[in-house]
């Protein structure tokens, strides 16, 4: 794995840890001003960091999972961008698993990796 791929996976993992502790700021800090965001709970795409911030702030403190796993991550580099794909499993306090697919496109912006496109979707089964 390249150093850039490892860096992007580390950024994603750190942001997910914060997210599952109710803090969306980890993702907001690594998202580009022009980020594009898809989520299965939304009817349409969100465009830009301001829209994403509004959405995430409404969720602050409401997301919690004591355990998660990033499954089968793959980071493909293309000059100044990396496409990160992975399966994601999080477990509730009661032990119920929720399974997701995720694609994050990171681009190099002023020397830092920033998310420019996000797409989350449920896998075929939500239970675990």
Protein backbone atom coordinates (compact mmCIF):
# COMPACT_ATOMS: atom_id res chain seq x y z
CA UNK A 1 0.00 0.00 0.00
CA UNK A 2 1.32 3.44 -0.88
CA UNK A 3 2.00 6.05 1.77
CA UNK A 4 -0.77 8.25 0.33
CA UNK A 5 -3.28 5.38 0.48
CA UNK A 6 -2.31 4.62 4.08
CA UNK A 7 -2.68 8.31 4.96
CA UNK A 8 -6.18 8.49 3.46
CA UNK A 9 -7.28 5.30 5.25
CA UNK A 10 -5.94 6.73 8.52
CA UNK A 11 -7.86 9.99 7.95
CA UNK A 12 -11.06 8.04 7.24
CA UNK A 13 -10.61 5.81 10.29
CA UNK A 14 -10.03 8.78 12.60
CA UNK A 15 -13.09 10.59 11.23
CA UNK A 16 -15.24 7.46 11.66
CA UNK A 17 -14.12 7.10 15.29
CA UNK A 18 -15.26 10.64 15.97
CA UNK A 19 -18.49 10.17 13.98
CA UNK A 20 -19.47 7.10 16.01
CA UNK A 21 -18.85 9.07 19.20
CA UNK A 22 -21.37 11.70 18.05
CA UNK A 23 -18.82 14.16 16.64
CA UNK A 24 -19.14 14.88 12.90
CA UNK A 25 -16.31 17.44 12.97
CA UNK A 26 -13.74 14.85 11.94
CA UNK A 27 -15.41 14.52 8.55
CA UNK A 28 -16.10 18.23 8.24
CA UNK A 29 -12.43 19.01 8.85
CA UNK A 30 -11.31 16.74 6.00
CA UNK A 31 -14.04 17.67 3.51
CA UNK A 32 -13.37 20.10 0.67
CA UNK A 33 -15.39 23.30 0.27
CA UNK A 34 -16.90 21.80 -2.91
CA UNK A 35 -17.66 18.35 -1.46
CA UNK A 36 -20.53 16.35 -3.00
CA UNK A 37 -22.37 14.01 -0.63
CA UNK A 38 -24.84 11.14 -1.12
CA UNK A 39 -26.56 9.44 1.80
CA UNK A 40 -29.39 6.84 1.83
CA UNK A 41 -31.34 9.01 4.29
CA UNK A 42 -31.48 11.94 1.86
CA UNK A 43 -33.65 12.34 -1.22
CA UNK A 44 -30.95 14.20 -3.12
CA UNK A 45 -27.28 15.02 -3.22
CA UNK A 46 -25.81 17.67 -0.92
CA UNK A 47 -23.48 20.15 -2.61
CA UNK A 48 -20.76 21.99 -0.72
CA UNK A 49 -19.32 22.08 2.76
CA UNK A 50 -21.95 24.51 4.06
CA UNK A 51 -24.79 22.12 3.16
CA UNK A 52 -22.90 19.16 4.60
CA UNK A 53 -22.18 21.08 7.80
CA UNK A 54 -25.87 21.93 8.23
CA UNK A 55 -26.81 18.28 7.78
CA UNK A 56 -24.12 16.97 10.11
CA UNK A 57 -24.76 19.54 12.84
CA UNK A 58 -28.35 18.28 13.11
CA UNK A 59 -26.86 14.83 13.83
CA UNK A 60 -24.25 15.98 16.36
CA UNK A 61 -24.46 13.85 19.51
CA UNK A 62 -27.09 11.52 18.01
CA UNK A 63 -24.82 8.90 16.42
CA UNK A 64 -23.24 6.27 18.61
CA UNK A 65 -21.67 2.88 18.08
CA UNK A 66 -19.20 1.26 20.46
CA UNK A 67 -17.53 -0.77 17.75
CA UNK A 68 -16.94 -0.65 14.00
CA UNK A 69 -14.92 -2.31 11.31
CA UNK A 70 -13.66 -1.12 7.95
CA UNK A 71 -13.80 -4.21 5.74
CA UNK A 72 -11.79 -4.77 2.57
CA UNK A 73 -10.56 -1.19 2.05
CA UNK A 74 -9.15 -0.40 -1.36
CA UNK A 75 -7.44 2.89 -2.16
CA UNK A 76 -6.65 3.58 -5.82
CA UNK A 77 -4.41 6.52 -6.57
CA UNK A 78 -4.75 8.74 -9.66
CA UNK A 79 -2.18 11.56 -9.79
CA UNK A 80 -3.63 14.00 -7.23
CA UNK A 81 -6.66 11.95 -6.14
CA UNK A 82 -7.44 8.69 -4.37
CA UNK A 83 -10.66 6.70 -4.63
CA UNK A 84 -11.25 4.86 -1.36
CA UNK A 85 -13.88 2.12 -1.28
CA UNK A 86 -14.75 -0.14 1.62
CA UNK A 87 -17.49 -2.03 3.37
CA UNK A 88 -18.34 -0.75 6.82
CA UNK A 89 -19.96 -2.48 9.75
CA UNK A 90 -20.99 -0.76 12.97
CA UNK A 91 -22.52 -2.39 16.03
CA UNK A 92 -25.05 -0.82 18.38
CA UNK A 93 -24.93 -1.18 22.16
CA UNK A 94 -27.32 -4.14 21.82
CA UNK A 95 -24.99 -5.84 19.33
CA UNK A 96 -27.08 -5.20 16.19
CA UNK A 97 -24.91 -4.72 13.11
CA UNK A 98 -25.53 -2.19 10.37
CA UNK A 99 -23.67 -2.76 7.10
CA UNK A 100 -22.75 -0.12 4.56
CA UNK A 101 -20.87 0.42 1.32
CA UNK A 102 -18.78 3.57 1.09
CA UNK A 103 -16.92 5.39 -1.64
CA UNK A 104 -14.84 8.45 -0.78
CA UNK A 105 -12.91 10.42 -3.37
CA UNK A 106 -10.02 12.36 -1.87
CA UNK A 107 -8.13 15.08 -3.73
CA UNK A 108 -4.89 16.82 -2.80
CA UNK A 109 -5.75 20.40 -1.84
CA UNK A 110 -3.02 22.77 -0.62
CA UNK A 111 -0.90 19.83 0.50
CA UNK A 112 -3.66 17.99 2.37
CA UNK A 113 -6.04 15.20 1.40
CA UNK A 114 -9.66 16.42 1.31
CA UNK A 115 -12.87 14.53 0.58
CA UNK A 116 -14.43 15.85 -2.64
CA UNK A 117 -17.11 13.17 -3.08
CA UNK A 118 -18.84 10.80 -0.64
CA UNK A 119 -21.37 8.06 -1.30
CA UNK A 120 -22.83 5.91 1.48
CA UNK A 121 -25.36 3.14 0.85
CA UNK A 122 -26.72 0.18 2.77
CA UNK A 123 -25.66 -3.27 1.75
CA UNK A 124 -28.33 -5.85 0.94
CA UNK A 125 -28.95 -6.63 4.61
CA UNK A 126 -29.03 -4.25 7.54
CA UNK A 127 -29.09 -6.90 10.26
CA UNK A 128 -26.15 -8.74 11.55
